[in-house]
Amino acid sequence: MDEVEVVVAHSERATLRVGDVFLKVDADQARIDVEVEAMSLAPVPTPEVLWRKPPVLAIAAVPGTTLGRLGGPATGSPAAWAAAGAAIRKLHDAPLPPLPGRADRSIGELAAELDAECALLVANGLLPAELVTRNREVAEAAFRPWTPAFTHGDLQIAHVFVDSDEVTGIIDWSEAGRGDALYDLATFTLGHEAHLDDVLAGYGGDVDLEVIRAWWAVRSLLAVRWLTEHGFDPFLPGCEVDVLRSLV
């Protein structure tokens, strides 16, 4: 019998791997609904849905490996990173999905959420006030008008698989929907700034690097407290706190 591997687990959801099958357990069925629909619409390789019986979704493993992980070394050739950029562009150029995604929050809503989170980070002693204030300034560039795109919404480097410099699968679509394309690009390159040029070579077009940096700040500031409270460590080398330090 195959060993059961816990891929990720916290109070909101858990993902288990048994052989070549991933079992996603989620208390919020709306997230699973979004994931299944997004995978059916996305013009990029996605996992095969094997079966669904709430609260469990079973999907097949995708071939290939990731280009690394946040806090760990990056792998893959420049061509592999460019291929990821090209796949992201293909997604962003696709017809808009029907629902708003994680990257679709209004400027006012997001700014208010970020300001509240910054205050908590300082009040709870999680981060120095100067570091928070400076990154809040960097984050301001993300609050500008943008054209909606088909976004993944949680395009971490660990969610994109490649093989022989080709993208073989993109996983974890529960936050997909209409949103800001640069949020996806920033999420994918978070902590791996050295490969941003390779990704943009595949993505094509003019990309505002100041906005990418702003989204790095936003995502990191919003993640630190949540990660700490859910058993993860954003203070590990190369992770969110190091990203914040690199931006000041």
Protein backbone atom coordinates (compact mmCIF):
# COMPACT_ATOMS: atom_id res chain seq x y z
CA MET A 1 0.00 0.00 0.00
CA ASP A 2 1.28 3.46 -0.88
CA GLU A 3 2.40 5.69 1.95
CA VAL A 4 0.16 8.65 2.79
CA GLU A 5 2.07 11.93 2.55
CA VAL A 6 0.74 15.09 4.17
CA VAL A 7 1.54 17.81 1.65
CA VAL A 8 0.02 20.67 3.62
CA ALA A 9 -2.40 20.80 6.52
CA HIS A 10 -3.92 23.58 8.63
CA SER A 11 -7.30 24.47 10.08
CA GLU A 12 -8.80 25.54 6.75
CA ARG A 13 -7.75 22.71 4.44
CA ALA A 14 -5.42 19.76 3.96
CA THR A 15 -3.83 18.03 1.00
CA LEU A 16 -2.71 14.40 1.12
CA ARG A 17 -0.82 12.39 -1.48
CA VAL A 18 -1.34 8.65 -1.95
CA GLY A 19 0.76 7.40 -4.84
CA ASP A 20 -0.16 9.46 -7.89
CA VAL A 21 -3.39 10.78 -6.37
CA PHE A 22 -3.80 13.99 -4.39
CA LEU A 23 -6.73 14.24 -1.98
CA LYS A 24 -7.74 17.81 -1.16
CA VAL A 25 -9.95 18.23 1.89
CA ASP A 26 -11.54 21.66 2.22
CA ALA A 27 -14.25 22.79 4.61
CA ASP A 28 -15.19 25.59 2.20
CA GLN A 29 -16.83 23.96 -0.80
CA ALA A 30 -16.84 27.29 -2.64
CA ARG A 31 -13.06 27.04 -2.97
CA ILE A 32 -13.35 23.58 -4.49
CA ASP A 33 -16.05 24.83 -6.87
CA VAL A 34 -13.73 27.61 -8.03
CA GLU A 35 -10.83 25.20 -8.43
CA VAL A 36 -12.72 22.70 -10.57
CA GLU A 37 -14.22 25.39 -12.80
CA ALA A 38 -10.93 27.26 -13.21
CA MET A 39 -9.09 24.10 -14.23
CA SER A 40 -11.76 23.41 -16.86
CA LEU A 41 -11.37 26.90 -18.33
CA ALA A 42 -7.61 27.51 -18.07
CA PRO A 43 -5.73 27.16 -21.41
CA VAL A 44 -2.67 25.67 -19.66
CA PRO A 45 -1.91 22.14 -18.39
CA THR A 46 -3.84 21.35 -15.19
CA PRO A 47 -4.35 18.19 -13.10
CA GLU A 48 -7.00 15.67 -14.12
CA VAL A 49 -9.99 15.62 -11.76
CA LEU A 50 -10.48 11.95 -10.81
CA TRP A 51 -13.53 12.27 -8.58
CA ARG A 52 -15.21 14.59 -6.16
CA LYS A 53 -17.15 13.77 -3.01
CA PRO A 54 -17.45 16.77 -0.68
CA PRO A 55 -15.43 17.71 1.23
CA VAL A 56 -12.81 15.77 -0.81
CA LEU A 57 -11.49 16.43 -4.31
CA ALA A 58 -9.24 13.79 -5.89
CA ILE A 59 -6.87 14.89 -8.64
CA ALA A 60 -4.05 13.15 -10.51
CA ALA A 61 -0.44 14.11 -9.98
CA VAL A 62 1.13 16.08 -12.82
CA PRO A 63 4.48 15.05 -14.31
CA GLY A 64 7.66 17.04 -13.88
CA THR A 65 9.07 19.00 -10.97
CA THR A 66 8.77 22.52 -9.63
CA LEU A 67 11.41 25.17 -10.18
CA GLY A 68 12.00 25.38 -6.44
CA ARG A 69 10.18 26.67 -3.40
CA LEU A 70 10.08 29.81 -1.31
CA GLY A 71 13.01 29.74 1.07
CA GLY A 72 14.80 27.06 -0.93
CA PRO A 73 17.17 27.00 -3.90
CA ALA A 74 15.75 27.58 -7.36
CA THR A 75 16.30 25.00 -10.07
CA GLY A 76 15.74 24.81 -13.78
CA SER A 77 17.32 26.47 -16.79
CA PRO A 78 16.55 30.00 -17.97
CA ALA A 79 14.49 28.32 -20.71
CA ALA A 80 12.35 26.56 -18.08
CA TRP A 81 11.68 29.85 -16.29
CA ALA A 82 10.84 31.47 -19.63
CA ALA A 83 8.45 28.62 -20.40
CA ALA A 84 6.69 29.32 -17.11
CA GLY A 85 6.44 32.98 -18.10
CA ALA A 86 4.95 32.03 -21.46
CA ALA A 87 2.35 29.79 -19.76
CA ILE A 88 1.40 32.61 -17.40
CA ARG A 89 0.97 34.95 -20.36
CA LYS A 90 -1.27 32.37 -22.09
CA LEU A 91 -3.43 32.23 -18.98
CA HIS A 92 -3.63 36.01 -18.67
CA ASP A 93 -4.61 36.37 -22.33
CA ALA A 94 -7.47 33.84 -22.03
CA PRO A 95 -11.14 34.88 -21.91
CA LEU A 96 -12.10 36.16 -18.48
CA PRO A 97 -13.61 33.62 -16.08
CA PRO A 98 -17.02 34.39 -14.56
CA LEU A 99 -15.89 34.96 -10.97
CA PRO A 100 -13.56 37.47 -9.29
CA GLY A 101 -10.40 35.92 -7.85
CA ARG A 102 -7.95 36.55 -5.05
CA ALA A 103 -6.16 39.12 -7.24
CA ASP A 104 -9.38 41.09 -7.86
CA ARG A 105 -9.76 43.03 -4.61
CA SER A 106 -10.51 46.71 -5.05
CA ILE A 107 -7.80 49.25 -4.36
CA GLY A 108 -9.69 50.65 -1.37
CA GLU A 109 -10.44 47.22 0.11
CA LEU A 110 -6.87 46.01 -0.28
CA ALA A 111 -5.34 49.21 1.10
CA ALA A 112 -7.59 49.05 4.15
CA GLU A 113 -6.72 45.38 4.73
CA LEU A 114 -3.02 46.11 4.37
CA ASP A 115 -3.12 49.08 6.74
CA ALA A 116 -4.92 47.02 9.38
CA GLU A 117 -2.43 44.18 8.99
CA CYS A 118 0.56 46.51 9.23
CA ALA A 119 -0.81 47.91 12.49
CA LEU A 120 -1.18 44.39 13.89
CA LEU A 121 2.33 43.37 12.84
CA VAL A 122 3.76 46.27 14.82
CA ALA A 123 1.36 46.06 17.77
CA ASN A 124 2.02 42.34 18.21
CA GLY A 125 5.78 42.81 17.95
CA LEU A 126 6.10 40.52 14.93
CA LEU A 127 8.07 42.99 12.82
CA PRO A 128 9.93 46.27 13.49
CA ALA A 129 7.87 49.37 12.79
CA GLU A 130 10.48 50.79 10.42
CA LEU A 131 10.47 47.63 8.27
CA VAL A 132 6.67 47.62 8.11
CA THR A 133 6.43 51.34 7.32
CA ARG A 134 9.00 51.18 4.54
CA ASN A 135 7.36 48.18 2.90
CA ARG A 136 3.94 49.83 3.18
CA GLU A 137 5.44 52.66 1.14
CA VAL A 138 6.79 50.21 -1.44
CA ALA A 139 3.37 48.52 -1.58
CA GLU A 140 1.65 51.75 -2.63
CA ALA A 141 2.67 51.22 -6.26
CA ALA A 142 0.33 48.20 -6.48
CA PHE A 143 -2.70 50.43 -5.88
CA ARG A 144 -3.32 51.67 -9.41
CA PRO A 145 -5.85 51.00 -12.17
CA TRP A 146 -5.37 47.68 -13.98
CA THR A 147 -7.07 45.66 -16.71
CA PRO A 148 -8.63 42.40 -15.44
CA ALA A 149 -7.05 39.15 -16.60
CA PHE A 150 -7.62 35.44 -16.00
CA THR A 151 -5.45 34.99 -12.91
CA HIS A 152 -4.45 31.97 -10.85
CA GLY A 153 -4.49 33.97 -7.62
CA ASP A 154 -1.96 31.84 -5.72
CA LEU A 155 0.72 31.20 -8.31
CA GLN A 156 3.48 30.17 -5.93
CA ILE A 157 6.57 28.62 -7.47
CA ALA A 158 5.56 25.30 -5.87
CA HIS A 159 2.37 25.27 -7.96
CA VAL A 160 4.05 25.21 -11.40
CA PHE A 161 5.60 21.98 -12.73
CA VAL A 162 8.02 21.72 -15.66
CA ASP A 163 9.79 18.94 -17.53
CA SER A 164 12.38 19.36 -20.30
CA ASP A 165 11.83 23.13 -20.23
CA GLU A 166 8.07 22.77 -20.79
CA VAL A 167 5.27 23.47 -18.33
CA THR A 168 3.50 20.17 -17.56
CA GLY A 169 0.98 21.32 -15.01
CA ILE A 170 -0.23 24.16 -12.81
CA ILE A 171 -2.00 23.15 -9.59
CA ASP A 172 -4.08 24.69 -6.75
CA TRP A 173 -6.65 26.90 -8.49
CA SER A 174 -8.94 27.65 -5.53
CA GLU A 175 -8.21 31.41 -5.66
CA ALA A 176 -8.45 31.77 -9.44
CA GLY A 177 -10.62 34.29 -11.25
CA ARG A 178 -10.49 37.79 -12.69
CA GLY A 179 -7.66 39.86 -11.27
CA ASP A 180 -4.44 41.83 -11.66
CA ALA A 181 -2.00 39.96 -13.88
CA LEU A 182 1.04 41.43 -12.13
CA TYR A 183 -0.11 39.87 -8.85
CA ASP A 184 0.43 36.43 -10.44
CA LEU A 185 3.87 37.37 -11.77
CA ALA A 186 4.92 38.74 -8.39
CA THR A 187 3.65 35.68 -6.54
CA PHE A 188 5.52 33.32 -8.87
CA THR A 189 8.83 35.18 -8.49
CA LEU A 190 8.52 35.95 -4.76
CA GLY A 191 11.87 35.19 -3.16
CA HIS A 192 13.42 34.36 -6.53
CA GLU A 193 14.08 37.81 -7.95
CA ALA A 194 17.15 36.54 -9.82
CA HIS A 195 14.86 34.67 -12.23
CA LEU A 196 12.43 37.53 -12.87
CA ASP A 197 14.13 38.50 -16.14
CA ASP A 198 13.85 34.93 -17.43
CA VAL A 199 10.15 34.79 -16.55
CA LEU A 200 9.51 38.14 -18.24
CA ALA A 201 11.42 37.01 -21.34
CA GLY A 202 8.82 34.29 -21.78
CA TYR A 203 5.92 36.47 -20.66
CA GLY A 204 6.66 39.26 -23.12
CA GLY A 205 5.48 42.86 -23.20
CA ASP A 206 6.25 45.76 -20.92
CA VAL A 207 5.93 44.97 -17.22
CA ASP A 208 6.21 47.63 -14.51
CA LEU A 209 8.90 46.29 -12.17
CA GLU A 210 7.94 48.78 -9.48
CA VAL A 211 4.50 47.18 -9.34
CA ILE A 212 6.03 43.70 -9.14
CA ARG A 213 8.09 44.83 -6.15
CA ALA A 214 4.99 46.40 -4.63
CA TRP A 215 3.11 43.11 -4.86
CA TRP A 216 6.06 41.33 -3.22
CA ALA A 217 5.66 43.72 -0.31
CA VAL A 218 1.86 43.36 -0.18
CA ARG A 219 1.88 39.57 -0.28
CA SER A 220 4.63 39.30 2.34
CA LEU A 221 3.08 41.81 4.73
CA LEU A 222 -0.30 40.08 4.54
CA ALA A 223 1.22 36.61 4.98
CA VAL A 224 3.53 36.96 8.01
CA ARG A 225 0.93 36.86 10.78
CA TRP A 226 -1.23 34.20 9.09
CA LEU A 227 1.76 31.93 8.55
CA THR A 228 2.93 32.37 12.13
CA GLU A 229 -0.52 31.54 13.51
CA HIS A 230 -0.89 28.44 11.31
CA GLY A 231 2.38 26.73 12.16
CA PHE A 232 4.58 28.03 9.35
CA ASP A 233 7.73 30.12 9.69
CA PRO A 234 8.00 33.26 7.52
CA PHE A 235 11.31 34.10 9.26
CA LEU A 236 13.19 31.22 7.62
CA PRO A 237 15.98 32.28 5.23
CA GLY A 238 14.61 33.39 1.89
CA CYS A 239 11.01 33.53 3.06
CA GLU A 240 8.60 36.44 3.52
CA VAL A 241 10.52 38.41 6.15
CA ASP A 242 13.72 38.21 4.10
CA VAL A 243 11.74 39.43 1.09
CA LEU A 244 10.56 42.43 3.11
CA ARG A 245 14.12 43.18 4.21
CA SER A 246 15.34 43.01 0.61
CA LEU A 247 12.85 45.69 -0.46
CA VAL A 248 14.10 48.44 1.89
